PDB file of all heavy atoms in Angstrom:
ATOM      1  N   PHE A   1      80.839  32.863  -9.009  1.00  0.00           N
ATOM      2  CA  PHE A   1      80.900  32.878  -7.550  1.00  0.00           C
ATOM      3  C   PHE A   1      81.511  34.179  -7.051  1.00  0.00           C
ATOM      4  O   PHE A   1      80.969  34.830  -6.136  1.00  0.00           O
ATOM      5  CB  PHE A   1      81.712  31.674  -7.073  1.00  0.00           C
ATOM      6  CG  PHE A   1      82.122  31.720  -5.624  1.00  0.00           C
ATOM      7  CD1 PHE A   1      81.218  31.422  -4.621  1.00  0.00           C
ATOM      8  CD2 PHE A   1      83.423  32.049  -5.277  1.00  0.00           C
ATOM      9  CE1 PHE A   1      81.604  31.461  -3.280  1.00  0.00           C
ATOM     10  CE2 PHE A   1      83.819  32.092  -3.950  1.00  0.00           C
ATOM     11  CZ  PHE A   1      82.907  31.797  -2.946  1.00  0.00           C
ATOM     12  N   MET A   2      82.623  34.604  -7.657  1.00  0.00           N
ATOM     13  CA  MET A   2      83.279  35.836  -7.241  1.00  0.00           C
ATOM     14  C   MET A   2      82.406  37.053  -7.538  1.00  0.00           C
ATOM     15  O   MET A   2      82.353  38.002  -6.744  1.00  0.00           O
ATOM     16  CB  MET A   2      84.637  35.972  -7.928  1.00  0.00           C
ATOM     17  CG  MET A   2      85.686  34.977  -7.444  1.00  0.00           C
ATOM     18  SD  MET A   2      86.030  35.087  -5.662  1.00  0.00           S
ATOM     19  CE  MET A   2      86.615  36.776  -5.519  1.00  0.00           C
ATOM     20  N   LEU A   3      81.727  37.028  -8.661  1.00  0.00           N
ATOM     21  CA  LEU A   3      80.802  38.106  -8.997  1.00  0.00           C
ATOM     22  C   LEU A   3      79.760  38.277  -7.896  1.00  0.00           C
ATOM     23  O   LEU A   3      79.511  39.389  -7.398  1.00  0.00           O
ATOM     24  CB  LEU A   3      80.125  37.794 -10.333  1.00  0.00           C
ATOM     25  CG  LEU A   3      78.942  38.666 -10.749  1.00  0.00           C
ATOM     26  CD1 LEU A   3      79.420  40.053 -11.119  1.00  0.00           C
ATOM     27  CD2 LEU A   3      78.212  38.044 -11.932  1.00  0.00           C
ATOM     28  N   ARG A   4      79.160  37.168  -7.500  1.00  0.00           N
ATOM     29  CA  ARG A   4      78.108  37.212  -6.494  1.00  0.00           C
ATOM     30  C   ARG A   4      78.655  37.624  -5.130  1.00  0.00           C
ATOM     31  O   ARG A   4      78.072  38.470  -4.439  1.00  0.00           O
ATOM     32  CB  ARG A   4      77.448  35.836  -6.398  1.00  0.00           C
ATOM     33  CG  ARG A   4      76.288  35.784  -5.411  1.00  0.00           C
ATOM     34  CD  ARG A   4      75.636  34.413  -5.368  1.00  0.00           C
ATOM     35  NE  ARG A   4      76.470  33.411  -4.715  1.00  0.00           N
ATOM     36  CZ  ARG A   4      77.146  32.455  -5.359  1.00  0.00           C
ATOM     37  NH1 ARG A   4      77.086  32.363  -6.678  1.00  0.00           N
ATOM     38  NH2 ARG A   4      77.889  31.583  -4.686  1.00  0.00           N
ATOM     39  N   ARG A   5      79.782  37.057  -4.746  1.00  0.00           N
ATOM     40  CA  ARG A   5      80.306  37.306  -3.408  1.00  0.00           C
ATOM     41  C   ARG A   5      80.762  38.746  -3.216  1.00  0.00           C
ATOM     42  O   ARG A   5      80.486  39.366  -2.178  1.00  0.00           O
ATOM     43  CB  ARG A   5      81.466  36.345  -3.119  1.00  0.00           C
ATOM     44  CG  ARG A   5      81.044  34.901  -3.030  1.00  0.00           C
ATOM     45  CD  ARG A   5      80.080  34.670  -1.878  1.00  0.00           C
ATOM     46  NE  ARG A   5      80.793  34.530  -0.609  1.00  0.00           N
ATOM     47  CZ  ARG A   5      80.214  34.579   0.578  1.00  0.00           C
ATOM     48  NH1 ARG A   5      78.923  34.821   0.668  1.00  0.00           N
ATOM     49  NH2 ARG A   5      80.911  34.403   1.676  1.00  0.00           N
ATOM     50  N   VAL A   6      81.471  39.300  -4.201  1.00  0.00           N
ATOM     51  CA  VAL A   6      81.947  40.680  -4.062  1.00  0.00           C
ATOM     52  C   VAL A   6      80.762  41.628  -3.930  1.00  0.00           C
ATOM     53  O   VAL A   6      80.785  42.567  -3.114  1.00  0.00           O
ATOM     54  CB  VAL A   6      82.848  41.063  -5.253  1.00  0.00           C
ATOM     55  CG1 VAL A   6      83.137  42.560  -5.254  1.00  0.00           C
ATOM     56  CG2 VAL A   6      84.164  40.289  -5.189  1.00  0.00           C
ATOM     57  N   ARG A   7      79.712  41.381  -4.687  1.00  0.00           N
ATOM     58  CA  ARG A   7      78.549  42.266  -4.598  1.00  0.00           C
ATOM     59  C   ARG A   7      77.810  42.102  -3.276  1.00  0.00           C
ATOM     60  O   ARG A   7      77.260  43.072  -2.742  1.00  0.00           O
ATOM     61  CB  ARG A   7      77.638  42.032  -5.799  1.00  0.00           C
ATOM     62  CG  ARG A   7      78.358  42.412  -7.094  1.00  0.00           C
ATOM     63  CD  ARG A   7      77.498  42.365  -8.313  1.00  0.00           C
ATOM     64  NE  ARG A   7      78.325  42.631  -9.496  1.00  0.00           N
ATOM     65  CZ  ARG A   7      77.857  43.016 -10.667  1.00  0.00           C
ATOM     66  NH1 ARG A   7      76.553  43.173 -10.837  1.00  0.00           N
ATOM     67  NH2 ARG A   7      78.680  43.239 -11.670  1.00  0.00           N
ATOM     68  N   GLU A   8      77.821  40.909  -2.732  1.00  0.00           N
ATOM     69  CA  GLU A   8      77.245  40.707  -1.399  1.00  0.00           C
ATOM     70  C   GLU A   8      78.056  41.474  -0.347  1.00  0.00           C
ATOM     71  O   GLU A   8      77.492  42.140   0.534  1.00  0.00           O
ATOM     72  CB  GLU A   8      77.235  39.222  -1.047  1.00  0.00           C
ATOM     73  CG  GLU A   8      76.219  38.393  -1.818  1.00  0.00           C
ATOM     74  CD  GLU A   8      76.366  36.904  -1.530  1.00  0.00           C
ATOM     75  OE1 GLU A   8      77.270  36.532  -0.739  1.00  0.00           O
ATOM     76  OE2 GLU A   8      75.597  36.112  -2.095  1.00  0.00           O
ATOM     77  N   PHE A   9      79.385  41.361  -0.445  1.00  0.00           N
ATOM     78  CA  PHE A   9      80.244  42.007   0.548  1.00  0.00           C
ATOM     79  C   PHE A   9      80.108  43.530   0.498  1.00  0.00           C
ATOM     80  O   PHE A   9      80.236  44.204   1.530  1.00  0.00           O
ATOM     81  CB  PHE A   9      81.701  41.613   0.321  1.00  0.00           C
ATOM     82  CG  PHE A   9      81.987  40.152   0.566  1.00  0.00           C
ATOM     83  CD1 PHE A   9      83.009  39.512  -0.120  1.00  0.00           C
ATOM     84  CD2 PHE A   9      81.249  39.426   1.479  1.00  0.00           C
ATOM     85  CE1 PHE A   9      83.285  38.170   0.097  1.00  0.00           C
ATOM     86  CE2 PHE A   9      81.513  38.081   1.712  1.00  0.00           C
ATOM     87  CZ  PHE A   9      82.540  37.451   1.017  1.00  0.00           C
ATOM     88  N   ARG A  10      79.869  44.068  -0.681  1.00  0.00           N
ATOM     89  CA  ARG A  10      79.729  45.522  -0.798  1.00  0.00           C
ATOM     90  C   ARG A  10      78.527  46.041  -0.019  1.00  0.00           C
ATOM     91  O   ARG A  10      78.480  47.210   0.331  1.00  0.00           O
ATOM     92  CB  ARG A  10      79.596  45.924  -2.269  1.00  0.00           C
ATOM     93  CG  ARG A  10      80.898  45.868  -3.031  1.00  0.00           C
ATOM     94  CD  ARG A  10      80.725  46.442  -4.409  1.00  0.00           C
ATOM     95  NE  ARG A  10      81.951  46.274  -5.174  1.00  0.00           N
ATOM     96  CZ  ARG A  10      82.007  45.868  -6.428  1.00  0.00           C
ATOM     97  NH1 ARG A  10      80.890  45.579  -7.084  1.00  0.00           N
ATOM     98  NH2 ARG A  10      83.151  45.750  -7.057  1.00  0.00           N
ATOM     99  N   LYS A  11      77.579  45.180   0.233  1.00  0.00           N
ATOM    100  CA  LYS A  11      76.381  45.584   0.970  1.00  0.00           C
ATOM    101  C   LYS A  11      76.506  45.329   2.467  1.00  0.00           C
ATOM    102  O   LYS A  11      75.664  45.799   3.243  1.00  0.00           O
ATOM    103  CB  LYS A  11      75.158  44.831   0.434  1.00  0.00           C
ATOM    104  CG  LYS A  11      74.841  45.128  -1.021  1.00  0.00           C
ATOM    105  CD  LYS A  11      73.657  44.278  -1.493  1.00  0.00           C
ATOM    106  CE  LYS A  11      73.350  44.540  -2.961  1.00  0.00           C
ATOM    107  NZ  LYS A  11      72.229  43.681  -3.447  1.00  0.00           N
ATOM    108  N   THR A  12      77.546  44.596   2.854  1.00  0.00           N
ATOM    109  CA  THR A  12      77.615  44.172   4.255  1.00  0.00           C
ATOM    110  C   THR A  12      78.942  44.449   4.949  1.00  0.00           C
ATOM    111  O   THR A  12      78.968  44.554   6.185  1.00  0.00           O
ATOM    112  CB  THR A  12      77.343  42.661   4.355  1.00  0.00           C
ATOM    113  OG1 THR A  12      78.295  41.943   3.529  1.00  0.00           O
ATOM    114  CG2 THR A  12      75.932  42.331   3.866  1.00  0.00           C
ATOM    115  N   LYS A  13      80.035  44.550   4.199  1.00  0.00           N
ATOM    116  CA  LYS A  13      81.352  44.673   4.822  1.00  0.00           C
ATOM    117  C   LYS A  13      81.884  46.112   4.738  1.00  0.00           C
ATOM    118  O   LYS A  13      81.779  46.749   3.685  1.00  0.00           O
ATOM    119  CB  LYS A  13      82.363  43.751   4.129  1.00  0.00           C
ATOM    120  CG  LYS A  13      81.939  42.296   4.000  1.00  0.00           C
ATOM    121  CD  LYS A  13      82.023  41.545   5.294  1.00  0.00           C
ATOM    122  CE  LYS A  13      81.769  40.054   5.069  1.00  0.00           C
ATOM    123  NZ  LYS A  13      81.711  39.313   6.348  1.00  0.00           N
ATOM    124  N   PRO A  14      82.505  46.622   5.804  1.00  0.00           N
ATOM    125  CA  PRO A  14      83.074  47.970   5.786  1.00  0.00           C
ATOM    126  C   PRO A  14      84.451  48.002   5.113  1.00  0.00           C
ATOM    127  O   PRO A  14      85.477  48.253   5.741  1.00  0.00           O
ATOM    128  CB  PRO A  14      83.160  48.327   7.274  1.00  0.00           C
ATOM    129  CG  PRO A  14      83.381  47.011   7.950  1.00  0.00           C
ATOM    130  CD  PRO A  14      82.583  46.013   7.154  1.00  0.00           C
ATOM    131  N   ILE A  15      84.441  47.730   3.808  1.00  0.00           N
ATOM    132  CA  ILE A  15      85.667  47.745   3.011  1.00  0.00           C
ATOM    133  C   ILE A  15      85.280  48.010   1.567  1.00  0.00           C
ATOM    134  O   ILE A  15      84.204  47.596   1.119  1.00  0.00           O
ATOM    135  CB  ILE A  15      86.437  46.409   3.146  1.00  0.00           C
ATOM    136  CG1 ILE A  15      87.794  46.484   2.434  1.00  0.00           C
ATOM    137  CG2 ILE A  15      85.596  45.231   2.635  1.00  0.00           C
ATOM    138  CD1 ILE A  15      88.708  45.284   2.723  1.00  0.00           C
ATOM    139  N   PHE A  16      86.123  48.732   0.837  1.00  0.00           N
ATOM    140  CA  PHE A  16      85.859  49.060  -0.557  1.00  0.00           C
ATOM    141  C   PHE A  16      86.491  47.974  -1.428  1.00  0.00           C
ATOM    142  O   PHE A  16      87.709  47.833  -1.467  1.00  0.00           O
ATOM    143  CB  PHE A  16      86.448  50.426  -0.897  1.00  0.00           C
ATOM    144  CG  PHE A  16      86.236  50.845  -2.323  1.00  0.00           C
ATOM    145  CD1 PHE A  16      84.963  50.890  -2.863  1.00  0.00           C
ATOM    146  CD2 PHE A  16      87.319  51.198  -3.122  1.00  0.00           C
ATOM    147  CE1 PHE A  16      84.759  51.282  -4.183  1.00  0.00           C
ATOM    148  CE2 PHE A  16      87.126  51.594  -4.438  1.00  0.00           C
ATOM    149  CZ  PHE A  16      85.848  51.637  -4.973  1.00  0.00           C
ATOM    150  N   LEU A  17      85.660  47.182  -2.109  1.00  0.00           N
ATOM    151  CA  LEU A  17      86.139  46.059  -2.911  1.00  0.00           C
ATOM    152  C   LEU A  17      85.933  46.323  -4.403  1.00  0.00           C
ATOM    153  O   LEU A  17      84.903  46.858  -4.815  1.00  0.00           O
ATOM    154  CB  LEU A  17      85.400  44.770  -2.529  1.00  0.00           C
ATOM    155  CG  LEU A  17      85.595  44.271  -1.095  1.00  0.00           C
ATOM    156  CD1 LEU A  17      84.732  43.041  -0.846  1.00  0.00           C
ATOM    157  CD2 LEU A  17      87.063  43.969  -0.829  1.00  0.00           C
ATOM    158  N   LEU A  18      86.922  45.923  -5.207  1.00  0.00           N
ATOM    159  CA  LEU A  18      86.846  46.009  -6.656  1.00  0.00           C
ATOM    160  C   LEU A  18      87.146  44.654  -7.256  1.00  0.00           C
ATOM    161  O   LEU A  18      87.969  43.903  -6.733  1.00  0.00           O
ATOM    162  CB  LEU A  18      87.855  47.029  -7.213  1.00  0.00           C
ATOM    163  CG  LEU A  18      87.809  48.455  -6.698  1.00  0.00           C
ATOM    164  CD1 LEU A  18      88.827  48.641  -5.571  1.00  0.00           C
ATOM    165  CD2 LEU A  18      88.136  49.442  -7.816  1.00  0.00           C
ATOM    166  N   ASP A  19      86.495  44.347  -8.370  1.00  0.00           N
ATOM    167  CA  ASP A  19      86.770  43.126  -9.124  1.00  0.00           C
ATOM    168  C   ASP A  19      87.060  43.560 -10.555  1.00  0.00           C
ATOM    169  O   ASP A  19      86.166  43.971 -11.300  1.00  0.00           O
ATOM    170  CB  ASP A  19      85.561  42.189  -9.075  1.00  0.00           C
ATOM    171  CG  ASP A  19      85.814  40.835  -9.739  1.00  0.00           C
ATOM    172  OD1 ASP A  19      86.603  40.790 -10.699  1.00  0.00           O
ATOM    173  OD2 ASP A  19      85.208  39.833  -9.313  1.00  0.00           O
ATOM    174  N   PHE A  20      88.318  43.477 -10.953  1.00  0.00           N
ATOM    175  CA  PHE A  20      88.789  44.111 -12.191  1.00  0.00           C
ATOM    176  C   PHE A  20      87.998  43.668 -13.421  1.00  0.00           C
ATOM    177  O   PHE A  20      87.766  44.458 -14.331  1.00  0.00           O
ATOM    178  CB  PHE A  20      90.280  43.818 -12.373  1.00  0.00           C
ATOM    179  CG  PHE A  20      90.941  44.691 -13.407  1.00  0.00           C
ATOM    180  CD1 PHE A  20      91.132  46.038 -13.158  1.00  0.00           C
ATOM    181  CD2 PHE A  20      91.377  44.174 -14.614  1.00  0.00           C
ATOM    182  CE1 PHE A  20      91.741  46.853 -14.099  1.00  0.00           C
ATOM    183  CE2 PHE A  20      91.989  44.981 -15.556  1.00  0.00           C
ATOM    184  CZ  PHE A  20      92.183  46.321 -15.297  1.00  0.00           C
ATOM    185  N   TRP A  21      87.576  42.405 -13.484  1.00  0.00           N
ATOM    186  CA  TRP A  21      86.815  41.927 -14.641  1.00  0.00           C
ATOM    187  C   TRP A  21      85.312  42.017 -14.416  1.00  0.00           C
ATOM    188  O   TRP A  21      84.573  42.522 -15.257  1.00  0.00           O
ATOM    189  CB  TRP A  21      87.213  40.486 -14.987  1.00  0.00           C
ATOM    190  CG  TRP A  21      88.448  40.427 -15.810  1.00  0.00           C
ATOM    191  CD1 TRP A  21      88.534  40.329 -17.174  1.00  0.00           C
ATOM    192  CD2 TRP A  21      89.794  40.480 -15.335  1.00  0.00           C
ATOM    193  NE1 TRP A  21      89.850  40.328 -17.569  1.00  0.00           N
ATOM    194  CE2 TRP A  21      90.648  40.416 -16.462  1.00  0.00           C
ATOM    195  CE3 TRP A  21      90.371  40.579 -14.071  1.00  0.00           C
ATOM    196  CZ2 TRP A  21      92.027  40.447 -16.365  1.00  0.00           C
ATOM    197  CZ3 TRP A  21      91.744  40.612 -13.967  1.00  0.00           C
ATOM    198  CH2 TRP A  21      92.552  40.545 -15.099  1.00  0.00           C
ATOM    199  N   ASN A  22      84.838  41.555 -13.284  1.00  0.00           N
ATOM    200  CA  ASN A  22      83.398  41.478 -13.054  1.00  0.00           C
ATOM    201  C   ASN A  22      82.737  42.827 -12.816  1.00  0.00           C
ATOM    202  O   ASN A  22      81.505  42.910 -12.773  1.00  0.00           O
ATOM    203  CB  ASN A  22      83.101  40.550 -11.874  1.00  0.00           C
ATOM    204  CG  ASN A  22      83.284  39.084 -12.253  1.00  0.00           C
ATOM    205  OD1 ASN A  22      83.192  38.704 -13.411  1.00  0.00           O
ATOM    206  ND2 ASN A  22      83.566  38.253 -11.259  1.00  0.00           N
ATOM    207  N   ASP A  23      83.529  43.890 -12.664  1.00  0.00           N
ATOM    208  CA  ASP A  23      82.955  45.214 -12.443  1.00  0.00           C
ATOM    209  C   ASP A  23      82.815  46.019 -13.727  1.00  0.00           C
ATOM    210  O   ASP A  23      82.567  47.236 -13.679  1.00  0.00           O
ATOM    211  CB  ASP A  23      83.790  45.998 -11.426  1.00  0.00           C
ATOM    212  CG  ASP A  23      83.503  45.574  -9.995  1.00  0.00           C
ATOM    213  OD1 ASP A  23      82.487  44.889  -9.776  1.00  0.00           O
ATOM    214  OD2 ASP A  23      84.287  45.927  -9.107  1.00  0.00           O
ATOM    215  N   GLY A  24      82.956  45.379 -14.877  1.00  0.00           N
ATOM    216  CA  GLY A  24      82.803  46.094 -16.138  1.00  0.00           C
ATOM    217  C   GLY A  24      81.463  46.788 -16.269  1.00  0.00           C
ATOM    218  O   GLY A  24      81.345  47.830 -16.931  1.00  0.00           O
ATOM    219  N   GLU A  25      80.456  46.231 -15.633  1.00  0.00           N
ATOM    220  CA  GLU A  25      79.107  46.807 -15.670  1.00  0.00           C
ATOM    221  C   GLU A  25      79.078  48.238 -15.146  1.00  0.00           C
ATOM    222  O   GLU A  25      78.282  49.066 -15.608  1.00  0.00           O
ATOM    223  CB  GLU A  25      78.182  45.923 -14.835  1.00  0.00           C
ATOM    224  CG  GLU A  25      76.774  46.435 -14.682  1.00  0.00           C
ATOM    225  CD  GLU A  25      75.922  45.542 -13.801  1.00  0.00           C
ATOM    226  OE1 GLU A  25      76.419  44.484 -13.344  1.00  0.00           O
ATOM    227  OE2 GLU A  25      74.749  45.907 -13.578  1.00  0.00           O
ATOM    228  N   PHE A  26      79.941  48.546 -14.186  1.00  0.00           N
ATOM    229  CA  PHE A  26      79.888  49.846 -13.528  1.00  0.00           C
ATOM    230  C   PHE A  26      80.754  50.903 -14.213  1.00  0.00           C
ATOM    231  O   PHE A  26      80.672  52.084 -13.867  1.00  0.00           O
ATOM    232  CB  PHE A  26      80.314  49.699 -12.064  1.00  0.00           C
ATOM    233  CG  PHE A  26      79.505  48.669 -11.330  1.00  0.00           C
ATOM    234  CD1 PHE A  26      80.073  47.471 -10.917  1.00  0.00           C
ATOM    235  CD2 PHE A  26      78.158  48.873 -11.092  1.00  0.00           C
ATOM    236  CE1 PHE A  26      79.328  46.513 -10.255  1.00  0.00           C
ATOM    237  CE2 PHE A  26      77.400  47.916 -10.433  1.00  0.00           C
ATOM    238  CZ  PHE A  26      77.979  46.731 -10.012  1.00  0.00           C
ATOM    239  N   VAL A  27      81.578  50.476 -15.152  1.00  0.00           N
ATOM    240  CA  VAL A  27      82.460  51.432 -15.841  1.00  0.00           C
ATOM    241  C   VAL A  27      82.297  51.373 -17.354  1.00  0.00           C
ATOM    242  O   VAL A  27      83.117  51.897 -18.100  1.00  0.00           O
ATOM    243  CB  VAL A  27      83.942  51.193 -15.461  1.00  0.00           C
ATOM    244  CG1 VAL A  27      84.186  51.596 -14.017  1.00  0.00           C
ATOM    245  CG2 VAL A  27      84.354  49.740 -15.698  1.00  0.00           C
ATOM    246  N   GLY A  28      81.222  50.724 -17.820  1.00  0.00           N
ATOM    247  CA  GLY A  28      80.955  50.687 -19.256  1.00  0.00           C
ATOM    248  C   GLY A  28      81.875  49.790 -20.035  1.00  0.00           C
ATOM    249  O   GLY A  28      82.172  50.058 -21.202  1.00  0.00           O
ATOM    250  N   GLY A  29      82.352  48.698 -19.426  1.00  0.00           N
ATOM    251  CA  GLY A  29      83.206  47.755 -20.139  1.00  0.00           C
ATOM    252  C   GLY A  29      84.677  47.948 -19.837  1.00  0.00           C
ATOM    253  O   GLY A  29      85.061  48.425 -18.758  1.00  0.00           O
ATOM    254  N   CYS A  30      85.520  47.600 -20.783  1.00  0.00           N
ATOM    255  CA  CYS A  30      86.977  47.697 -20.627  1.00  0.00           C
ATOM    256  C   CYS A  30      87.413  49.149 -20.415  1.00  0.00           C
ATOM    257  O   CYS A  30      86.980  50.046 -21.133  1.00  0.00           O
ATOM    258  CB  CYS A  30      87.652  47.109 -21.870  1.00  0.00           C
ATOM    259  SG  CYS A  30      89.436  47.346 -21.940  1.00  0.00           S
ATOM    260  N   ILE A  31      88.310  49.367 -19.456  1.00  0.00           N
ATOM    261  CA  ILE A  31      88.791  50.726 -19.163  1.00  0.00           C
ATOM    262  C   ILE A  31      90.192  50.978 -19.702  1.00  0.00           C
ATOM    263  O   ILE A  31      90.759  52.054 -19.486  1.00  0.00           O
ATOM    264  CB  ILE A  31      88.783  50.994 -17.652  1.00  0.00           C
ATOM    265  CG1 ILE A  31      89.761  50.055 -16.927  1.00  0.00           C
ATOM    266  CG2 ILE A  31      87.372  50.876 -17.088  1.00  0.00           C
ATOM    267  CD1 ILE A  31      89.965  50.394 -15.459  1.00  0.00           C
TER     268      ILE A  31
END
């Protein structure tokens, strides 16, 4: 649910959102 919602908000809300676990796709896994 959080994965889906954060990605929806990134397309619609004027705020920069990060999801520490679910955003692994964008940084190649664990940082």
